[in-house]
Amino acid sequence: MNQKVGYFFENAWKRLRGQPRRCPSCGGPQSDFVQRKYWVTELRKCRSCRLLFRYPFDTAEENQRFYQQDYSQGFTSDCPGDNELRQLLDTGFRDHEKDYRSYLKILQALGITPGARLIDFGSSWGYGVWQFQQAGYEVQGFEISRSRARFGREKLGVNIADSSDQIRGDADVFFSAHVLEHVPSIQEVIAKAARCIKPGGLFIAFTPNGSADFRRRNEADFRKLWNKAHPNFLTNEFYEWVFSERPLLLASYPYEPEKIGAWDRRARRSLSLAGNELLAVAVL
């Protein structure tokens, strides 16, 4: 409750001070109103890059402070105790909420075979890095929270950097799962990905789906998916804009591996976009 009250007054103060309604990703000065919550927060759509974003928005410094101190998202953010961790590792996270088998199936459908080098961007305490590593991939994680990154290094024995400057280049895949909706600038992350992967490598991102097809199917869930922790709401329109000159595949859950596998990495293709999770794959 204290966090919700603080969130309300923080955004009320930003509005009173006249925070500009510029897009936090591309910096575009013009946007259109989409929805309102709590009287003081709005979901807006950038007229330039088409990103849906929460206004008032957080600065990079506020974002850094939030993820070091206040962010709590259940198992995603809370490091397990020794006994729970031992059970998870013994079962390989099978049938757990963080079971990465579905993501591994997508990698396989895209032709990314064991031995490929992955960057897991926004890897929390390492559950995904560990599973990718067990599947035979060479993986480096990156996590903004120093405590969670340290937990992964010390308890799981995986490679997780807590500074983006430590991310090695020459990767085959830049992967993120439910991360881009949190970052202060998505385009900075995409620029980082372009510097870190080989020519022809893949940018793969899973996020909540802000596309119009999903909103038409489920308005109530659409409204729930943008909030304090999710200041960005990714859409097919945004990806089509930011990757306007790149081969691009868009899909939503439930995924169809055979159709994903049929993509030739040369075309721009969009599958069903009515599900609650959005997949974007771009060739960089």
C-alpha atoms as a PDB file:
ATOM      1  CA  MET A   1       0.000   0.000   0.000  1.00  0.00           C
ATOM      2  CA  ASN A   2       2.833   2.415   0.856  1.00  0.00           C
ATOM      3  CA  GLN A   3       4.358   1.836  -2.571  1.00  0.00           C
ATOM      4  CA  LYS A   4       1.028   2.561  -4.286  1.00  0.00           C
ATOM      5  CA  VAL A   5       0.598   5.789  -2.322  1.00  0.00           C
ATOM      6  CA  GLY A   6       4.167   6.791  -3.138  1.00  0.00           C
ATOM      7  CA  TYR A   7       3.573   5.966  -6.812  1.00  0.00           C
ATOM      8  CA  PHE A   8       0.448   8.175  -6.846  1.00  0.00           C
ATOM      9  CA  PHE A   9       2.134  11.202  -5.259  1.00  0.00           C
ATOM     10  CA  GLU A  10       5.317  10.790  -7.284  1.00  0.00           C
ATOM     11  CA  ASN A  11       3.365  10.969 -10.539  1.00  0.00           C
ATOM     12  CA  ALA A  12       1.090  13.742  -9.290  1.00  0.00           C
ATOM     13  CA  TRP A  13       4.186  15.811  -8.485  1.00  0.00           C
ATOM     14  CA  LYS A  14       5.673  15.180 -11.941  1.00  0.00           C
ATOM     15  CA  ARG A  15       2.449  16.340 -13.570  1.00  0.00           C
ATOM     16  CA  LEU A  16       2.318  19.464 -11.407  1.00  0.00           C
ATOM     17  CA  ARG A  17       5.893  20.247 -12.407  1.00  0.00           C
ATOM     18  CA  GLY A  18       4.908  19.857 -16.061  1.00  0.00           C
ATOM     19  CA  GLN A  19       7.000  16.860 -17.108  1.00  0.00           C
ATOM     20  CA  PRO A  20       7.006  16.953 -20.943  1.00  0.00           C
ATOM     21  CA  ARG A  21       4.960  14.275 -22.688  1.00  0.00           C
ATOM     22  CA  ARG A  22       7.924  13.220 -24.813  1.00  0.00           C
ATOM     23  CA  CYS A  23       8.477   9.578 -25.694  1.00  0.00           C
ATOM     24  CA  PRO A  24      11.037   8.076 -23.276  1.00  0.00           C
ATOM     25  CA  SER A  25      12.461   5.866 -26.033  1.00  0.00           C
ATOM     26  CA  CYS A  26      12.771   7.963 -29.213  1.00  0.00           C
ATOM     27  CA  GLY A  27      12.309  11.396 -27.610  1.00  0.00           C
ATOM     28  CA  GLY A  28       9.404  12.262 -29.914  1.00  0.00           C
ATOM     29  CA  PRO A  29       7.522  15.324 -28.550  1.00  0.00           C
ATOM     30  CA  GLN A  30       4.037  14.344 -29.725  1.00  0.00           C
ATOM     31  CA  SER A  31       1.848  11.541 -28.419  1.00  0.00           C
ATOM     32  CA  ASP A  32      -1.813  10.624 -28.148  1.00  0.00           C
ATOM     33  CA  PHE A  33      -3.843   9.666 -25.078  1.00  0.00           C
ATOM     34  CA  VAL A  34      -4.872   5.968 -24.883  1.00  0.00           C
ATOM     35  CA  GLN A  35      -5.963   5.202 -21.280  1.00  0.00           C
ATOM     36  CA  ARG A  36      -5.856   6.628 -17.764  1.00  0.00           C
ATOM     37  CA  LYS A  37      -5.243   5.040 -14.322  1.00  0.00           C
ATOM     38  CA  TYR A  38      -5.366   6.447 -10.794  1.00  0.00           C
ATOM     39  CA  TRP A  39      -6.252   9.935 -12.172  1.00  0.00           C
ATOM     40  CA  VAL A  40      -2.555  10.818 -12.549  1.00  0.00           C
ATOM     41  CA  THR A  41      -1.080   8.177 -14.903  1.00  0.00           C
ATOM     42  CA  GLU A  42      -1.771   7.826 -18.603  1.00  0.00           C
ATOM     43  CA  LEU A  43      -0.914   5.376 -21.341  1.00  0.00           C
ATOM     44  CA  ARG A  44       0.137   7.368 -24.396  1.00  0.00           C
ATOM     45  CA  LYS A  45       1.132   6.450 -27.953  1.00  0.00           C
ATOM     46  CA  CYS A  46       4.147   8.138 -29.515  1.00  0.00           C
ATOM     47  CA  ARG A  47       3.329   9.605 -32.924  1.00  0.00           C
ATOM     48  CA  SER A  48       6.893   8.956 -34.111  1.00  0.00           C
ATOM     49  CA  CYS A  49       7.917   5.437 -33.025  1.00  0.00           C
ATOM     50  CA  ARG A  50       4.388   4.218 -32.089  1.00  0.00           C
ATOM     51  CA  LEU A  51       5.514   3.028 -28.657  1.00  0.00           C
ATOM     52  CA  LEU A  52       2.878   2.911 -25.930  1.00  0.00           C
ATOM     53  CA  PHE A  53       4.372   4.425 -22.787  1.00  0.00           C
ATOM     54  CA  ARG A  54       3.294   5.402 -19.286  1.00  0.00           C
ATOM     55  CA  TYR A  55       3.172   9.119 -18.488  1.00  0.00           C
ATOM     56  CA  PRO A  56       4.553  10.505 -16.270  1.00  0.00           C
ATOM     57  CA  PHE A  57       7.616   8.389 -16.989  1.00  0.00           C
ATOM     58  CA  ASP A  58      10.664   7.528 -14.882  1.00  0.00           C
ATOM     59  CA  THR A  59      14.125   8.873 -15.551  1.00  0.00           C
ATOM     60  CA  ALA A  60      17.054   6.493 -16.028  1.00  0.00           C
ATOM     61  CA  GLU A  61      18.214   7.346 -12.496  1.00  0.00           C
ATOM     62  CA  GLU A  62      14.776   6.560 -11.017  1.00  0.00           C
ATOM     63  CA  ASN A  63      14.665   3.306 -12.963  1.00  0.00           C
ATOM     64  CA  GLN A  64      18.101   2.288 -11.655  1.00  0.00           C
ATOM     65  CA  ARG A  65      17.098   3.074  -8.059  1.00  0.00           C
ATOM     66  CA  PHE A  66      13.796   1.176  -8.360  1.00  0.00           C
ATOM     67  CA  TYR A  67      15.458  -2.037  -9.546  1.00  0.00           C
ATOM     68  CA  GLN A  68      18.195  -1.876  -6.940  1.00  0.00           C
ATOM     69  CA  GLN A  69      15.867  -1.239  -4.000  1.00  0.00           C
ATOM     70  CA  ASP A  70      12.118  -1.614  -4.554  1.00  0.00           C
ATOM     71  CA  TYR A  71      11.334  -4.005  -7.416  1.00  0.00           C
ATOM     72  CA  SER A  72       9.508  -7.141  -6.276  1.00  0.00           C
ATOM     73  CA  GLN A  73       7.807  -9.499  -8.691  1.00  0.00           C
ATOM     74  CA  GLY A  74       7.519 -12.758  -6.803  1.00  0.00           C
ATOM     75  CA  PHE A  75       9.739 -15.557  -8.029  1.00  0.00           C
ATOM     76  CA  THR A  76      11.061 -13.398 -10.887  1.00  0.00           C
ATOM     77  CA  SER A  77      12.866 -11.067  -8.505  1.00  0.00           C
ATOM     78  CA  ASP A  78      13.020 -12.889  -5.156  1.00  0.00           C
ATOM     79  CA  CYS A  79      16.031 -15.183  -4.861  1.00  0.00           C
ATOM     80  CA  PRO A  80      15.117 -18.635  -3.463  1.00  0.00           C
ATOM     81  CA  GLY A  81      16.539 -20.194  -0.334  1.00  0.00           C
ATOM     82  CA  ASP A  82      19.080 -22.990  -0.528  1.00  0.00           C
ATOM     83  CA  ASN A  83      16.574 -25.844  -0.192  1.00  0.00           C
ATOM     84  CA  GLU A  84      14.201 -24.445  -2.807  1.00  0.00           C
ATOM     85  CA  LEU A  85      17.079 -23.727  -5.172  1.00  0.00           C
ATOM     86  CA  ARG A  86      18.416 -27.275  -4.793  1.00  0.00           C
ATOM     87  CA  GLN A  87      14.998 -28.682  -5.735  1.00  0.00           C
ATOM     88  CA  LEU A  88      14.732 -26.386  -8.745  1.00  0.00           C
ATOM     89  CA  LEU A  89      18.159 -27.356 -10.037  1.00  0.00           C
ATOM     90  CA  ASP A  90      17.517 -31.057  -9.418  1.00  0.00           C
ATOM     91  CA  THR A  91      14.354 -30.882 -11.548  1.00  0.00           C
ATOM     92  CA  GLY A  92      15.801 -28.460 -14.121  1.00  0.00           C
ATOM     93  CA  PHE A  93      12.910 -26.037 -13.347  1.00  0.00           C
ATOM     94  CA  ARG A  94      10.584 -28.492 -15.088  1.00  0.00           C
ATOM     95  CA  ASP A  95       6.893 -27.435 -14.896  1.00  0.00           C
ATOM     96  CA  HIS A  96       7.832 -24.383 -12.828  1.00  0.00           C
ATOM     97  CA  GLU A  97       6.671 -20.872 -13.762  1.00  0.00           C
ATOM     98  CA  LYS A  98      10.250 -20.203 -14.924  1.00  0.00           C
ATOM     99  CA  ASP A  99      10.539 -23.371 -17.016  1.00  0.00           C
ATOM    100  CA  TYR A 100      12.293 -22.165 -20.186  1.00  0.00           C
ATOM    101  CA  ARG A 101      11.411 -25.134 -22.376  1.00  0.00           C
ATOM    102  CA  SER A 102       8.936 -23.037 -24.360  1.00  0.00           C
ATOM    103  CA  TYR A 103      11.648 -20.468 -25.116  1.00  0.00           C
ATOM    104  CA  LEU A 104      14.083 -23.238 -26.039  1.00  0.00           C
ATOM    105  CA  LYS A 105      11.533 -24.569 -28.538  1.00  0.00           C
ATOM    106  CA  ILE A 106      11.411 -21.128 -30.175  1.00  0.00           C
ATOM    107  CA  LEU A 107      15.229 -21.023 -30.411  1.00  0.00           C
ATOM    108  CA  GLN A 108      15.235 -24.458 -31.995  1.00  0.00           C
ATOM    109  CA  ALA A 109      12.491 -23.469 -34.445  1.00  0.00           C
ATOM    110  CA  LEU A 110      14.627 -20.483 -35.469  1.00  0.00           C
ATOM    111  CA  GLY A 111      17.577 -22.784 -36.142  1.00  0.00           C
ATOM    112  CA  ILE A 112      19.629 -21.650 -33.129  1.00  0.00           C
ATOM    113  CA  THR A 113      21.359 -24.859 -32.141  1.00  0.00           C
ATOM    114  CA  PRO A 114      23.350 -25.744 -28.989  1.00  0.00           C
ATOM    115  CA  GLY A 115      26.812 -24.225 -29.117  1.00  0.00           C
ATOM    116  CA  ALA A 116      25.480 -20.841 -30.234  1.00  0.00           C
ATOM    117  CA  ARG A 117      26.417 -17.875 -28.050  1.00  0.00           C
ATOM    118  CA  LEU A 118      23.530 -16.055 -26.330  1.00  0.00           C
ATOM    119  CA  ILE A 119      23.259 -12.860 -24.323  1.00  0.00           C
ATOM    120  CA  ASP A 120      20.381 -13.097 -21.831  1.00  0.00           C
ATOM    121  CA  PHE A 121      19.586  -9.427 -21.207  1.00  0.00           C
ATOM    122  CA  GLY A 122      17.749  -8.853 -17.940  1.00  0.00           C
ATOM    123  CA  SER A 123      18.505 -12.272 -16.501  1.00  0.00           C
ATOM    124  CA  SER A 124      17.428 -11.620 -12.872  1.00  0.00           C
ATOM    125  CA  TRP A 125      19.097 -14.182 -10.581  1.00  0.00           C
ATOM    126  CA  GLY A 126      20.059 -16.554 -13.400  1.00  0.00           C
ATOM    127  CA  TYR A 127      17.291 -19.139 -13.830  1.00  0.00           C
ATOM    128  CA  GLY A 128      17.212 -18.576 -17.609  1.00  0.00           C
ATOM    129  CA  VAL A 129      20.994 -18.414 -18.020  1.00  0.00           C
ATOM    130  CA  TRP A 130      21.301 -21.717 -16.153  1.00  0.00           C
ATOM    131  CA  GLN A 131      18.673 -23.446 -18.311  1.00  0.00           C
ATOM    132  CA  PHE A 132      20.181 -22.173 -21.562  1.00  0.00           C
ATOM    133  CA  GLN A 133      23.568 -23.371 -20.380  1.00  0.00           C
ATOM    134  CA  GLN A 134      22.174 -26.799 -19.497  1.00  0.00           C
ATOM    135  CA  ALA A 135      20.715 -27.000 -23.016  1.00  0.00           C
ATOM    136  CA  GLY A 136      24.189 -26.559 -24.491  1.00  0.00           C
ATOM    137  CA  TYR A 137      24.352 -22.862 -25.273  1.00  0.00           C
ATOM    138  CA  GLU A 138      27.198 -20.528 -24.335  1.00  0.00           C
ATOM    139  CA  VAL A 139      25.478 -17.815 -22.314  1.00  0.00           C
ATOM    140  CA  GLN A 140      26.306 -14.507 -20.710  1.00  0.00           C
ATOM    141  CA  GLY A 141      23.630 -12.813 -18.642  1.00  0.00           C
ATOM    142  CA  PHE A 142      23.170  -9.171 -17.772  1.00  0.00           C
ATOM    143  CA  GLU A 143      21.158  -7.992 -14.759  1.00  0.00           C
ATOM    144  CA  ILE A 144      20.803  -4.410 -13.509  1.00  0.00           C
ATOM    145  CA  SER A 145      20.286  -5.560  -9.896  1.00  0.00           C
ATOM    146  CA  ARG A 146      23.713  -6.174  -8.428  1.00  0.00           C
ATOM    147  CA  SER A 147      22.353  -8.431  -5.670  1.00  0.00           C
ATOM    148  CA  ARG A 148      20.472 -10.706  -8.078  1.00  0.00           C
ATOM    149  CA  ALA A 149      23.433 -10.888 -10.459  1.00  0.00           C
ATOM    150  CA  ARG A 150      25.703 -11.814  -7.555  1.00  0.00           C
ATOM    151  CA  PHE A 151      23.259 -14.531  -6.452  1.00  0.00           C
ATOM    152  CA  GLY A 152      23.399 -16.106  -9.928  1.00  0.00           C
ATOM    153  CA  ARG A 153      27.174 -16.051 -10.005  1.00  0.00           C
ATOM    154  CA  GLU A 154      27.592 -17.452  -6.494  1.00  0.00           C
ATOM    155  CA  LYS A 155      24.666 -19.898  -6.198  1.00  0.00           C
ATOM    156  CA  LEU A 156      24.181 -21.104  -9.783  1.00  0.00           C
ATOM    157  CA  GLY A 157      27.742 -20.652 -11.043  1.00  0.00           C
ATOM    158  CA  VAL A 158      26.605 -18.780 -14.143  1.00  0.00           C
ATOM    159  CA  ASN A 159      28.083 -15.769 -15.900  1.00  0.00           C
ATOM    160  CA  ILE A 160      25.976 -12.669 -15.137  1.00  0.00           C
ATOM    161  CA  ALA A 161      27.328  -9.140 -15.537  1.00  0.00           C
ATOM    162  CA  ASP A 162      25.821  -6.249 -13.578  1.00  0.00           C
ATOM    163  CA  SER A 163      27.251  -3.542 -15.848  1.00  0.00           C
ATOM    164  CA  SER A 164      26.331  -3.350 -19.526  1.00  0.00           C
ATOM    165  CA  ASP A 165      29.948  -2.443 -20.269  1.00  0.00           C
ATOM    166  CA  GLN A 166      30.869  -5.998 -19.254  1.00  0.00           C
ATOM    167  CA  ILE A 167      28.739  -7.613 -21.964  1.00  0.00           C
ATOM    168  CA  ARG A 168      30.951  -9.315 -24.523  1.00  0.00           C
ATOM    169  CA  GLY A 169      30.366  -8.873 -28.225  1.00  0.00           C
ATOM    170  CA  ASP A 170      30.257 -11.393 -31.072  1.00  0.00           C
ATOM    171  CA  ALA A 171      27.089 -13.174 -29.904  1.00  0.00           C
ATOM    172  CA  ASP A 172      24.693 -15.072 -32.148  1.00  0.00           C
ATOM    173  CA  VAL A 173      21.559 -14.028 -30.237  1.00  0.00           C
ATOM    174  CA  PHE A 174      20.526 -11.119 -28.025  1.00  0.00           C
ATOM    175  CA  PHE A 175      17.669 -12.563 -25.984  1.00  0.00           C
ATOM    176  CA  SER A 176      15.296 -10.958 -23.483  1.00  0.00           C
ATOM    177  CA  ALA A 177      12.159 -12.293 -21.805  1.00  0.00           C
ATOM    178  CA  HIS A 178       9.842  -9.727 -20.202  1.00  0.00           C
ATOM    179  CA  VAL A 179      12.537  -7.081 -19.908  1.00  0.00           C
ATOM    180  CA  LEU A 180      11.946  -4.377 -22.543  1.00  0.00           C
ATOM    181  CA  GLU A 181       8.715  -3.271 -20.881  1.00  0.00           C
ATOM    182  CA  HIS A 182      10.855  -2.235 -17.865  1.00  0.00           C
ATOM    183  CA  VAL A 183      13.757  -0.283 -19.405  1.00  0.00           C
ATOM    184  CA  PRO A 184      13.956   3.536 -19.610  1.00  0.00           C
ATOM    185  CA  SER A 185      14.905   3.492 -23.328  1.00  0.00           C
ATOM    186  CA  ILE A 186      14.147   0.515 -25.553  1.00  0.00           C
ATOM    187  CA  GLN A 187      16.082   1.994 -28.466  1.00  0.00           C
ATOM    188  CA  GLU A 188      19.233   2.164 -26.348  1.00  0.00           C
ATOM    189  CA  VAL A 189      18.853  -1.556 -25.647  1.00  0.00           C
ATOM    190  CA  ILE A 190      18.392  -2.302 -29.355  1.00  0.00           C
ATOM    191  CA  ALA A 191      21.479  -0.210 -30.165  1.00  0.00           C
ATOM    192  CA  LYS A 192      23.392  -2.196 -27.528  1.00  0.00           C
ATOM    193  CA  ALA A 193      22.183  -5.434 -29.107  1.00  0.00           C
ATOM    194  CA  ALA A 194      23.389  -4.319 -32.535  1.00  0.00           C
ATOM    195  CA  ARG A 195      26.870  -3.744 -31.095  1.00  0.00           C
ATOM    196  CA  CYS A 196      26.931  -7.092 -29.279  1.00  0.00           C
ATOM    197  CA  ILE A 197      25.843  -9.595 -31.927  1.00  0.00           C
ATOM    198  CA  LYS A 198      27.425 -10.799 -35.141  1.00  0.00           C
ATOM    199  CA  PRO A 199      26.125  -9.473 -38.486  1.00  0.00           C
ATOM    200  CA  GLY A 200      23.069 -11.542 -39.281  1.00  0.00           C
ATOM    201  CA  GLY A 201      22.517 -12.407 -35.607  1.00  0.00           C
ATOM    202  CA  LEU A 202      19.084 -12.361 -34.030  1.00  0.00           C
ATOM    203  CA  PHE A 203      17.412  -9.961 -31.637  1.00  0.00           C
ATOM    204  CA  ILE A 204      14.718 -11.953 -29.785  1.00  0.00           C
ATOM    205  CA  ALA A 205      12.328 -10.333 -27.322  1.00  0.00           C
ATOM    206  CA  PHE A 206       9.284 -11.600 -25.430  1.00  0.00           C
ATOM    207  CA  THR A 207       7.104  -8.928 -23.788  1.00  0.00           C
ATOM    208  CA  PRO A 208       3.502  -8.283 -22.770  1.00  0.00           C
ATOM    209  CA  ASN A 209       1.523  -7.600 -25.927  1.00  0.00           C
ATOM    210  CA  GLY A 210       0.250  -4.057 -26.404  1.00  0.00           C
ATOM    211  CA  SER A 211      -0.919  -4.669 -29.975  1.00  0.00           C
ATOM    212  CA  ALA A 212      -4.403  -3.652 -31.069  1.00  0.00           C
ATOM    213  CA  ASP A 213      -5.383  -7.260 -31.877  1.00  0.00           C
ATOM    214  CA  PHE A 214      -4.842  -8.272 -28.245  1.00  0.00           C
ATOM    215  CA  ARG A 215      -6.632  -5.200 -26.890  1.00  0.00           C
ATOM    216  CA  ARG A 216      -9.702  -5.959 -29.014  1.00  0.00           C
ATOM    217  CA  ARG A 217      -9.749  -9.516 -27.654  1.00  0.00           C
ATOM    218  CA  ASN A 218      -9.187  -8.682 -23.988  1.00  0.00           C
ATOM    219  CA  GLU A 219      -9.538  -5.048 -22.908  1.00  0.00           C
ATOM    220  CA  ALA A 220      -9.391  -5.892 -19.180  1.00  0.00           C
ATOM    221  CA  ASP A 221      -6.028  -7.674 -19.386  1.00  0.00           C
ATOM    222  CA  PHE A 222      -4.679  -5.013 -21.734  1.00  0.00           C
ATOM    223  CA  ARG A 223      -5.359  -2.401 -19.056  1.00  0.00           C
ATOM    224  CA  LYS A 224      -3.587  -4.436 -16.363  1.00  0.00           C
ATOM    225  CA  LEU A 225      -0.344  -4.870 -18.308  1.00  0.00           C
ATOM    226  CA  TRP A 226       0.979  -1.299 -18.009  1.00  0.00           C
ATOM    227  CA  ASN A 227       1.872   0.009 -14.553  1.00  0.00           C
ATOM    228  CA  LYS A 228       4.771   1.159 -12.349  1.00  0.00           C
ATOM    229  CA  ALA A 229       6.942  -1.839 -13.236  1.00  0.00           C
ATOM    230  CA  HIS A 230       5.846  -1.837 -16.910  1.00  0.00           C
ATOM    231  CA  PRO A 231       6.239   1.747 -18.183  1.00  0.00           C
ATOM    232  CA  ASN A 232       6.499   0.525 -21.798  1.00  0.00           C
ATOM    233  CA  PHE A 233       3.894  -1.463 -23.704  1.00  0.00           C
ATOM    234  CA  LEU A 234       5.342  -3.057 -26.835  1.00  0.00           C
ATOM    235  CA  THR A 235       3.319  -3.337 -30.046  1.00  0.00           C
ATOM    236  CA  ASN A 236       3.751  -4.686 -33.559  1.00  0.00           C
ATOM    237  CA  GLU A 237       3.661  -1.081 -34.798  1.00  0.00           C
ATOM    238  CA  PHE A 238       6.657  -0.127 -32.653  1.00  0.00           C
ATOM    239  CA  TYR A 239       8.718  -3.084 -33.850  1.00  0.00           C
ATOM    240  CA  GLU A 240       7.763  -2.411 -37.477  1.00  0.00           C
ATOM    241  CA  TRP A 241       9.003   1.161 -37.027  1.00  0.00           C
ATOM    242  CA  VAL A 242      12.228   0.464 -35.142  1.00  0.00           C
ATOM    243  CA  PHE A 243      13.178  -2.433 -37.458  1.00  0.00           C
ATOM    244  CA  SER A 244      11.826  -0.805 -40.615  1.00  0.00           C
ATOM    245  CA  GLU A 245      14.836  -1.878 -42.693  1.00  0.00           C
ATOM    246  CA  ARG A 246      15.393  -5.306 -41.143  1.00  0.00           C
ATOM    247  CA  PRO A 247      13.866  -8.746 -41.643  1.00  0.00           C
ATOM    248  CA  LEU A 248      11.309  -9.145 -38.873  1.00  0.00           C
ATOM    249  CA  LEU A 249       9.063 -11.860 -37.472  1.00  0.00           C
ATOM    250  CA  LEU A 250       6.185 -11.041 -35.107  1.00  0.00           C
ATOM    251  CA  ALA A 251       3.981 -13.542 -33.299  1.00  0.00           C
ATOM    252  CA  SER A 252       2.026 -13.947 -30.068  1.00  0.00           C
ATOM    253  CA  TYR A 253       1.253 -16.720 -27.608  1.00  0.00           C
ATOM    254  CA  PRO A 254       0.320 -19.522 -28.196  1.00  0.00           C
ATOM    255  CA  TYR A 255       3.210 -19.857 -30.629  1.00  0.00           C
ATOM    256  CA  GLU A 256       3.280 -22.073 -33.700  1.00  0.00           C
ATOM    257  CA  PRO A 257       6.853 -23.438 -33.959  1.00  0.00           C
ATOM    258  CA  GLU A 258       6.320 -24.844 -37.448  1.00  0.00           C
ATOM    259  CA  LYS A 259       5.315 -21.416 -38.805  1.00  0.00           C
ATOM    260  CA  ILE A 260       8.154 -19.732 -36.916  1.00  0.00           C
ATOM    261  CA  GLY A 261      10.553 -22.305 -38.355  1.00  0.00           C
ATOM    262  CA  ALA A 262       9.288 -21.567 -41.886  1.00  0.00           C
ATOM    263  CA  TRP A 263      10.466 -17.937 -41.654  1.00  0.00           C
ATOM    264  CA  ASP A 264      13.454 -17.466 -43.983  1.00  0.00           C
ATOM    265  CA  ARG A 265      15.136 -14.544 -42.110  1.00  0.00           C
ATOM    266  CA  ARG A 266      14.803 -12.404 -45.239  1.00  0.00           C
ATOM    267  CA  ALA A 267      11.158 -11.366 -45.144  1.00  0.00           C
ATOM    268  CA  ARG A 268       8.972  -9.350 -42.787  1.00  0.00           C
ATOM    269  CA  ARG A 269       6.242 -11.631 -41.485  1.00  0.00           C
ATOM    270  CA  SER A 270       3.479 -11.264 -38.913  1.00  0.00           C
ATOM    271  CA  LEU A 271       1.608 -14.237 -37.451  1.00  0.00           C
ATOM    272  CA  SER A 272      -1.351 -14.011 -35.050  1.00  0.00           C
ATOM    273  CA  LEU A 273      -1.066 -11.036 -32.661  1.00  0.00           C
ATOM    274  CA  ALA A 274      -4.100 -11.726 -30.461  1.00  0.00           C
ATOM    275  CA  GLY A 275      -2.274 -13.416 -27.541  1.00  0.00           C
ATOM    276  CA  ASN A 276      -1.122 -11.776 -24.317  1.00  0.00           C
ATOM    277  CA  GLU A 277       2.624 -12.250 -24.968  1.00  0.00           C
ATOM    278  CA  LEU A 278       4.369 -10.719 -27.990  1.00  0.00           C
ATOM    279  CA  LEU A 279       7.413 -12.238 -29.708  1.00  0.00           C
ATOM    280  CA  ALA A 280       9.653 -10.109 -31.930  1.00  0.00           C
ATOM    281  CA  VAL A 281      12.607 -11.555 -33.861  1.00  0.00           C
ATOM    282  CA  ALA A 282      14.753  -9.219 -35.964  1.00  0.00           C
ATOM    283  CA  VAL A 283      17.880  -9.893 -38.005  1.00  0.00           C
ATOM    284  CA  LEU A 284      20.559  -7.307 -37.161  1.00  0.00           C
END
